[in-house]
Amino acid sequence: QDTAIMHFYEKLLKLKDLMHTDYAKKLAEQRH
């Protein structure tokens, strides 16, 4: 029973540091 805001912390804000390719890492920085 999570919320939309909880999901940021449980998943979305973690994704930037999980990218593999340099191109994705660059895009992830600005999206994060």
ModelCIF file with pLDDT and N, C-alpha, C, O atoms, coordinates in Angstrom:
data_MODEL
#
_entry.id   MODEL 
#
_entity.id                         1 
_entity.type                       polymer 
_entity.pdbx_number_of_molecules   1 
#
_entity_poly.entity_id                      1 
_entity_poly.type                           'polypeptide(L)' 
_entity_poly.nstd_linkage                   no 
_entity_poly.nstd_monomer                   no 
_entity_poly.pdbx_seq_one_letter_code       QDTAIMHFYEKLLKLKDLMHTDYAKKLAEQRH 
_entity_poly.pdbx_seq_one_letter_code_can   QDTAIMHFYEKLLKLKDLMHTDYAKKLAEQRH 
_entity_poly.pdbx_strand_id                 A 
#
loop_
_entity_poly_seq.entity_id 
_entity_poly_seq.num 
_entity_poly_seq.mon_id 
_entity_poly_seq.hetero 
1 1  GLN n 
1 2  ASP n 
1 3  THR n 
1 4  ALA n 
1 5  ILE n 
1 6  MET n 
1 7  HIS n 
1 8  PHE n 
1 9  TYR n 
1 10 GLU n 
1 11 LYS n 
1 12 LEU n 
1 13 LEU n 
1 14 LYS n 
1 15 LEU n 
1 16 LYS n 
1 17 ASP n 
1 18 LEU n 
1 19 MET n 
1 20 HIS n 
1 21 THR n 
1 22 ASP n 
1 23 TYR n 
1 24 ALA n 
1 25 LYS n 
1 26 LYS n 
1 27 LEU n 
1 28 ALA n 
1 29 GLU n 
1 30 GLN n 
1 31 ARG n 
1 32 HIS n 
#
_struct_asym.id          A 
_struct_asym.entity_id   1 
#
loop_
_ma_qa_metric.id 
_ma_qa_metric.mode 
_ma_qa_metric.name 
_ma_qa_metric.software_group_id 
_ma_qa_metric.type 
1 global pLDDT . pLDDT 
2 local  pLDDT . pLDDT 
#
_ma_qa_metric_global.metric_id      1 
_ma_qa_metric_global.metric_value   95.62 
_ma_qa_metric_global.model_id       1 
_ma_qa_metric_global.ordinal_id     1 
#
loop_
_ma_qa_metric_local.label_asym_id 
_ma_qa_metric_local.label_comp_id 
_ma_qa_metric_local.label_seq_id 
_ma_qa_metric_local.metric_id 
_ma_qa_metric_local.metric_value 
_ma_qa_metric_local.model_id 
_ma_qa_metric_local.ordinal_id 
A GLN 1  2 77.00 1 1  
A ASP 2  2 88.00 1 2  
A THR 3  2 95.00 1 3  
A ALA 4  2 96.00 1 4  
A ILE 5  2 97.00 1 5  
A MET 6  2 95.00 1 6  
A HIS 7  2 94.00 1 7  
A PHE 8  2 97.00 1 8  
A TYR 9  2 95.00 1 9  
A GLU 10 2 92.00 1 10 
A LYS 11 2 93.00 1 11 
A LEU 12 2 97.00 1 12 
A LEU 13 2 97.00 1 13 
A LYS 14 2 95.00 1 14 
A LEU 15 2 97.00 1 15 
A LYS 16 2 98.00 1 16 
A ASP 17 2 97.00 1 17 
A LEU 18 2 95.00 1 18 
A MET 19 2 97.00 1 19 
A HIS 20 2 97.00 1 20 
A THR 21 2 98.00 1 21 
A ASP 22 2 97.00 1 22 
A TYR 23 2 97.00 1 23 
A ALA 24 2 98.00 1 24 
A LYS 25 2 98.00 1 25 
A LYS 26 2 97.00 1 26 
A LEU 27 2 97.00 1 27 
A ALA 28 2 98.00 1 28 
A GLU 29 2 98.00 1 29 
A GLN 30 2 97.00 1 30 
A ARG 31 2 98.00 1 31 
A HIS 32 2 98.00 1 32 
#
loop_
_atom_site.group_PDB 
_atom_site.id 
_atom_site.type_symbol 
_atom_site.label_atom_id 
_atom_site.label_alt_id 
_atom_site.label_comp_id 
_atom_site.label_asym_id 
_atom_site.label_entity_id 
_atom_site.label_seq_id 
_atom_site.pdbx_PDB_ins_code 
_atom_site.Cartn_x 
_atom_site.Cartn_y 
_atom_site.Cartn_z 
_atom_site.occupancy 
_atom_site.B_iso_or_equiv 
_atom_site.pdbx_formal_charge 
_atom_site.auth_seq_id 
_atom_site.auth_comp_id 
_atom_site.auth_asym_id 
_atom_site.auth_atom_id 
_atom_site.pdbx_PDB_model_num 
ATOM 1   N N  . GLN A 1 1  ? 0.841  -1.190 0.000   1.00 77.00 ? 1  GLN A N  1 
ATOM 2   C CA . GLN A 1 1  ? 0.000  0.000  0.000   1.00 77.00 ? 1  GLN A CA 1 
ATOM 3   C C  . GLN A 1 1  ? 0.879  1.244  0.000   1.00 77.00 ? 1  GLN A C  1 
ATOM 4   O O  . GLN A 1 1  ? 0.969  1.953  1.002   1.00 77.00 ? 1  GLN A O  1 
ATOM 5   N N  . ASP A 1 2  ? 1.520  1.498  -1.123  1.00 88.00 ? 2  ASP A N  1 
ATOM 6   C CA . ASP A 1 2  ? 2.373  2.669  -1.217  1.00 88.00 ? 2  ASP A CA 1 
ATOM 7   C C  . ASP A 1 2  ? 1.604  3.846  -1.804  1.00 88.00 ? 2  ASP A C  1 
ATOM 8   O O  . ASP A 1 2  ? 0.404  3.749  -2.062  1.00 88.00 ? 2  ASP A O  1 
ATOM 9   N N  . THR A 1 3  ? 2.292  4.938  -2.007  1.00 95.00 ? 3  THR A N  1 
ATOM 10  C CA . THR A 1 3  ? 1.715  6.117  -2.648  1.00 95.00 ? 3  THR A CA 1 
ATOM 11  C C  . THR A 1 3  ? 2.610  6.504  -3.817  1.00 95.00 ? 3  THR A C  1 
ATOM 12  O O  . THR A 1 3  ? 3.707  5.968  -3.978  1.00 95.00 ? 3  THR A O  1 
ATOM 13  N N  . ALA A 1 4  ? 2.131  7.437  -4.627  1.00 96.00 ? 4  ALA A N  1 
ATOM 14  C CA . ALA A 1 4  ? 2.944  7.887  -5.758  1.00 96.00 ? 4  ALA A CA 1 
ATOM 15  C C  . ALA A 1 4  ? 4.260  8.499  -5.273  1.00 96.00 ? 4  ALA A C  1 
ATOM 16  O O  . ALA A 1 4  ? 5.319  8.227  -5.838  1.00 96.00 ? 4  ALA A O  1 
ATOM 17  N N  . ILE A 1 5  ? 4.193  9.313  -4.242  1.00 97.00 ? 5  ILE A N  1 
ATOM 18  C CA . ILE A 1 5  ? 5.399  9.970  -3.741  1.00 97.00 ? 5  ILE A CA 1 
ATOM 19  C C  . ILE A 1 5  ? 6.357  8.953  -3.124  1.00 97.00 ? 5  ILE A C  1 
ATOM 20  O O  . ILE A 1 5  ? 7.569  9.082  -3.296  1.00 97.00 ? 5  ILE A O  1 
ATOM 21  N N  . MET A 1 6  ? 5.853  7.949  -2.414  1.00 95.00 ? 6  MET A N  1 
ATOM 22  C CA . MET A 1 6  ? 6.721  6.909  -1.875  1.00 95.00 ? 6  MET A CA 1 
ATOM 23  C C  . MET A 1 6  ? 7.493  6.212  -2.983  1.00 95.00 ? 6  MET A C  1 
ATOM 24  O O  . MET A 1 6  ? 8.640  5.809  -2.789  1.00 95.00 ? 6  MET A O  1 
ATOM 25  N N  . HIS A 1 7  ? 6.859  6.067  -4.155  1.00 94.00 ? 7  HIS A N  1 
ATOM 26  C CA . HIS A 1 7  ? 7.488  5.344  -5.255  1.00 94.00 ? 7  HIS A CA 1 
ATOM 27  C C  . HIS A 1 7  ? 8.730  6.065  -5.775  1.00 94.00 ? 7  HIS A C  1 
ATOM 28  O O  . HIS A 1 7  ? 9.646  5.430  -6.298  1.00 94.00 ? 7  HIS A O  1 
ATOM 29  N N  . PHE A 1 8  ? 8.760  7.387  -5.631  1.00 97.00 ? 8  PHE A N  1 
ATOM 30  C CA . PHE A 1 8  ? 9.970  8.122  -6.008  1.00 97.00 ? 8  PHE A CA 1 
ATOM 31  C C  . PHE A 1 8  ? 11.171 7.593  -5.227  1.00 97.00 ? 8  PHE A C  1 
ATOM 32  O O  . PHE A 1 8  ? 12.240 7.353  -5.789  1.00 97.00 ? 8  PHE A O  1 
ATOM 33  N N  . TYR A 1 9  ? 10.973 7.417  -3.926  1.00 95.00 ? 9  TYR A N  1 
ATOM 34  C CA . TYR A 1 9  ? 12.081 7.032  -3.049  1.00 95.00 ? 9  TYR A CA 1 
ATOM 35  C C  . TYR A 1 9  ? 12.368 5.533  -3.104  1.00 95.00 ? 9  TYR A C  1 
ATOM 36  O O  . TYR A 1 9  ? 13.506 5.108  -2.900  1.00 95.00 ? 9  TYR A O  1 
ATOM 37  N N  . GLU A 1 10 ? 11.343 4.737  -3.377  1.00 92.00 ? 10 GLU A N  1 
ATOM 38  C CA . GLU A 1 10 ? 11.521 3.291  -3.411  1.00 92.00 ? 10 GLU A CA 1 
ATOM 39  C C  . GLU A 1 10 ? 12.065 2.798  -4.750  1.00 92.00 ? 10 GLU A C  1 
ATOM 40  O O  . GLU A 1 10 ? 12.584 1.685  -4.841  1.00 92.00 ? 10 GLU A O  1 
ATOM 41  N N  . LYS A 1 11 ? 11.946 3.632  -5.797  1.00 93.00 ? 11 LYS A N  1 
ATOM 42  C CA . LYS A 1 11 ? 12.462 3.214  -7.106  1.00 93.00 ? 11 LYS A CA 1 
ATOM 43  C C  . LYS A 1 11 ? 13.067 4.355  -7.920  1.00 93.00 ? 11 LYS A C  1 
ATOM 44  O O  . LYS A 1 11 ? 14.252 4.315  -8.250  1.00 93.00 ? 11 LYS A O  1 
ATOM 45  N N  . LEU A 1 12 ? 12.273 5.366  -8.247  1.00 97.00 ? 12 LEU A N  1 
ATOM 46  C CA . LEU A 1 12 ? 12.658 6.322  -9.285  1.00 97.00 ? 12 LEU A CA 1 
ATOM 47  C C  . LEU A 1 12 ? 13.960 7.053  -9.010  1.00 97.00 ? 12 LEU A C  1 
ATOM 48  O O  . LEU A 1 12 ? 14.773 7.229  -9.917  1.00 97.00 ? 12 LEU A O  1 
ATOM 49  N N  . LEU A 1 13 ? 14.169 7.481  -7.771  1.00 97.00 ? 13 LEU A N  1 
ATOM 50  C CA . LEU A 1 13 ? 15.384 8.229  -7.447  1.00 97.00 ? 13 LEU A CA 1 
ATOM 51  C C  . LEU A 1 13 ? 16.625 7.341  -7.391  1.00 97.00 ? 13 LEU A C  1 
ATOM 52  O O  . LEU A 1 13 ? 17.746 7.844  -7.314  1.00 97.00 ? 13 LEU A O  1 
ATOM 53  N N  . LYS A 1 14 ? 16.433 6.038  -7.428  1.00 95.00 ? 14 LYS A N  1 
ATOM 54  C CA . LYS A 1 14 ? 17.555 5.098  -7.419  1.00 95.00 ? 14 LYS A CA 1 
ATOM 55  C C  . LYS A 1 14 ? 18.082 4.804  -8.822  1.00 95.00 ? 14 LYS A C  1 
ATOM 56  O O  . LYS A 1 14 ? 19.204 4.322  -8.979  1.00 95.00 ? 14 LYS A O  1 
ATOM 57  N N  . LEU A 1 15 ? 17.277 5.093  -9.832  1.00 97.00 ? 15 LEU A N  1 
ATOM 58  C CA . LEU A 1 15 ? 17.592 4.627  -11.180 1.00 97.00 ? 15 LEU A CA 1 
ATOM 59  C C  . LEU A 1 15 ? 18.783 5.336  -11.821 1.00 97.00 ? 15 LEU A C  1 
ATOM 60  O O  . LEU A 1 15 ? 19.492 4.742  -12.633 1.00 97.00 ? 15 LEU A O  1 
ATOM 61  N N  . LYS A 1 16 ? 19.007 6.585  -11.468 1.00 98.00 ? 16 LYS A N  1 
ATOM 62  C CA . LYS A 1 16 ? 20.124 7.327  -12.070 1.00 98.00 ? 16 LYS A CA 1 
ATOM 63  C C  . LYS A 1 16 ? 21.444 6.581  -11.917 1.00 98.00 ? 16 LYS A C  1 
ATOM 64  O O  . LYS A 1 16 ? 22.251 6.542  -12.845 1.00 98.00 ? 16 LYS A O  1 
ATOM 65  N N  . ASP A 1 17 ? 21.656 6.004  -10.771 1.00 97.00 ? 17 ASP A N  1 
ATOM 66  C CA . ASP A 1 17 ? 22.925 5.339  -10.489 1.00 97.00 ? 17 ASP A CA 1 
ATOM 67  C C  . ASP A 1 17 ? 22.980 3.897  -10.984 1.00 97.00 ? 17 ASP A C  1 
ATOM 68  O O  . ASP A 1 17 ? 23.958 3.191  -10.741 1.00 97.00 ? 17 ASP A O  1 
ATOM 69  N N  . LEU A 1 18 ? 21.936 3.465  -11.674 1.00 95.00 ? 18 LEU A N  1 
ATOM 70  C CA . LEU A 1 18 ? 21.882 2.090  -12.174 1.00 95.00 ? 18 LEU A CA 1 
ATOM 71  C C  . LEU A 1 18 ? 22.025 2.016  -13.692 1.00 95.00 ? 18 LEU A C  1 
ATOM 72  O O  . LEU A 1 18 ? 21.883 0.943  -14.277 1.00 95.00 ? 18 LEU A O  1 
ATOM 73  N N  . MET A 1 19 ? 22.305 3.156  -14.333 1.00 97.00 ? 19 MET A N  1 
ATOM 74  C CA . MET A 1 19 ? 22.469 3.167  -15.788 1.00 97.00 ? 19 MET A CA 1 
ATOM 75  C C  . MET A 1 19 ? 23.808 2.551  -16.174 1.00 97.00 ? 19 MET A C  1 
ATOM 76  O O  . MET A 1 19 ? 24.767 2.594  -15.404 1.00 97.00 ? 19 MET A O  1 
ATOM 77  N N  . HIS A 1 20 ? 23.864 1.981  -17.364 1.00 97.00 ? 20 HIS A N  1 
ATOM 78  C CA . HIS A 1 20 ? 25.063 1.294  -17.837 1.00 97.00 ? 20 HIS A CA 1 
ATOM 79  C C  . HIS A 1 20 ? 25.843 2.097  -18.876 1.00 97.00 ? 20 HIS A C  1 
ATOM 80  O O  . HIS A 1 20 ? 27.063 2.225  -18.778 1.00 97.00 ? 20 HIS A O  1 
ATOM 81  N N  . THR A 1 21 ? 25.147 2.630  -19.856 1.00 98.00 ? 21 THR A N  1 
ATOM 82  C CA . THR A 1 21 ? 25.828 3.299  -20.970 1.00 98.00 ? 21 THR A CA 1 
ATOM 83  C C  . THR A 1 21 ? 26.051 4.778  -20.672 1.00 98.00 ? 21 THR A C  1 
ATOM 84  O O  . THR A 1 21 ? 25.287 5.392  -19.926 1.00 98.00 ? 21 THR A O  1 
ATOM 85  N N  . ASP A 1 22 ? 27.089 5.337  -21.252 1.00 97.00 ? 22 ASP A N  1 
ATOM 86  C CA . ASP A 1 22 ? 27.409 6.749  -21.021 1.00 97.00 ? 22 ASP A CA 1 
ATOM 87  C C  . ASP A 1 22 ? 26.276 7.662  -21.491 1.00 97.00 ? 22 ASP A C  1 
ATOM 88  O O  . ASP A 1 22 ? 25.965 8.659  -20.839 1.00 97.00 ? 22 ASP A O  1 
ATOM 89  N N  . TYR A 1 23 ? 25.670 7.321  -22.607 1.00 97.00 ? 23 TYR A N  1 
ATOM 90  C CA . TYR A 1 23 ? 24.579 8.138  -23.148 1.00 97.00 ? 23 TYR A CA 1 
ATOM 91  C C  . TYR A 1 23 ? 23.416 8.179  -22.170 1.00 97.00 ? 23 TYR A C  1 
ATOM 92  O O  . TYR A 1 23 ? 22.853 9.244  -21.916 1.00 97.00 ? 23 TYR A O  1 
ATOM 93  N N  . ALA A 1 24 ? 23.053 7.017  -21.618 1.00 98.00 ? 24 ALA A N  1 
ATOM 94  C CA . ALA A 1 24 ? 21.939 6.950  -20.674 1.00 98.00 ? 24 ALA A CA 1 
ATOM 95  C C  . ALA A 1 24 ? 22.277 7.674  -19.376 1.00 98.00 ? 24 ALA A C  1 
ATOM 96  O O  . ALA A 1 24 ? 21.417 8.326  -18.784 1.00 98.00 ? 24 ALA A O  1 
ATOM 97  N N  . LYS A 1 25 ? 23.520 7.561  -18.935 1.00 98.00 ? 25 LYS A N  1 
ATOM 98  C CA . LYS A 1 25 ? 23.935 8.240  -17.700 1.00 98.00 ? 25 LYS A CA 1 
ATOM 99  C C  . LYS A 1 25 ? 23.771 9.748  -17.839 1.00 98.00 ? 25 LYS A C  1 
ATOM 100 O O  . LYS A 1 25 ? 23.358 10.424 -16.896 1.00 98.00 ? 25 LYS A O  1 
ATOM 101 N N  . LYS A 1 26 ? 24.097 10.271 -19.018 1.00 97.00 ? 26 LYS A N  1 
ATOM 102 C CA . LYS A 1 26 ? 23.975 11.711 -19.249 1.00 97.00 ? 26 LYS A CA 1 
ATOM 103 C C  . LYS A 1 26 ? 22.513 12.144 -19.207 1.00 97.00 ? 26 LYS A C  1 
ATOM 104 O O  . LYS A 1 26 ? 22.178 13.138 -18.564 1.00 97.00 ? 26 LYS A O  1 
ATOM 105 N N  . LEU A 1 27 ? 21.647 11.403 -19.887 1.00 97.00 ? 27 LEU A N  1 
ATOM 106 C CA . LEU A 1 27 ? 20.220 11.730 -19.864 1.00 97.00 ? 27 LEU A CA 1 
ATOM 107 C C  . LEU A 1 27 ? 19.635 11.575 -18.469 1.00 97.00 ? 27 LEU A C  1 
ATOM 108 O O  . LEU A 1 27 ? 18.797 12.371 -18.048 1.00 97.00 ? 27 LEU A O  1 
ATOM 109 N N  . ALA A 1 28 ? 20.077 10.553 -17.759 1.00 98.00 ? 28 ALA A N  1 
ATOM 110 C CA . ALA A 1 28 ? 19.542 10.273 -16.426 1.00 98.00 ? 28 ALA A CA 1 
ATOM 111 C C  . ALA A 1 28 ? 19.848 11.407 -15.448 1.00 98.00 ? 28 ALA A C  1 
ATOM 112 O O  . ALA A 1 28 ? 19.033 11.705 -14.575 1.00 98.00 ? 28 ALA A O  1 
ATOM 113 N N  . GLU A 1 29 ? 21.002 12.034 -15.584 1.00 98.00 ? 29 GLU A N  1 
ATOM 114 C CA . GLU A 1 29 ? 21.380 13.124 -14.686 1.00 98.00 ? 29 GLU A CA 1 
ATOM 115 C C  . GLU A 1 29 ? 20.353 14.252 -14.746 1.00 98.00 ? 29 GLU A C  1 
ATOM 116 O O  . GLU A 1 29 ? 19.888 14.727 -13.710 1.00 98.00 ? 29 GLU A O  1 
ATOM 117 N N  . GLN A 1 30 ? 20.002 14.676 -15.949 1.00 97.00 ? 30 GLN A N  1 
ATOM 118 C CA . GLN A 1 30 ? 19.070 15.797 -16.071 1.00 97.00 ? 30 GLN A CA 1 
ATOM 119 C C  . GLN A 1 30 ? 17.652 15.386 -15.691 1.00 97.00 ? 30 GLN A C  1 
ATOM 120 O O  . GLN A 1 30 ? 16.912 16.186 -15.121 1.00 97.00 ? 30 GLN A O  1 
ATOM 121 N N  . ARG A 1 31 ? 17.268 14.161 -15.996 1.00 98.00 ? 31 ARG A N  1 
ATOM 122 C CA . ARG A 1 31 ? 15.930 13.700 -15.623 1.00 98.00 ? 31 ARG A CA 1 
ATOM 123 C C  . ARG A 1 31 ? 15.819 13.545 -14.109 1.00 98.00 ? 31 ARG A C  1 
ATOM 124 O O  . ARG A 1 31 ? 14.783 13.859 -13.522 1.00 98.00 ? 31 ARG A O  1 
ATOM 125 N N  . HIS A 1 32 ? 16.881 13.064 -13.484 1.00 98.00 ? 32 HIS A N  1 
ATOM 126 C CA . HIS A 1 32 ? 16.901 12.917 -12.030 1.00 98.00 ? 32 HIS A CA 1 
ATOM 127 C C  . HIS A 1 32 ? 16.752 14.283 -11.355 1.00 98.00 ? 32 HIS A C  1 
ATOM 128 O O  . HIS A 1 32 ? 16.746 14.367 -10.127 1.00 98.00 ? 32 HIS A O  1 
#
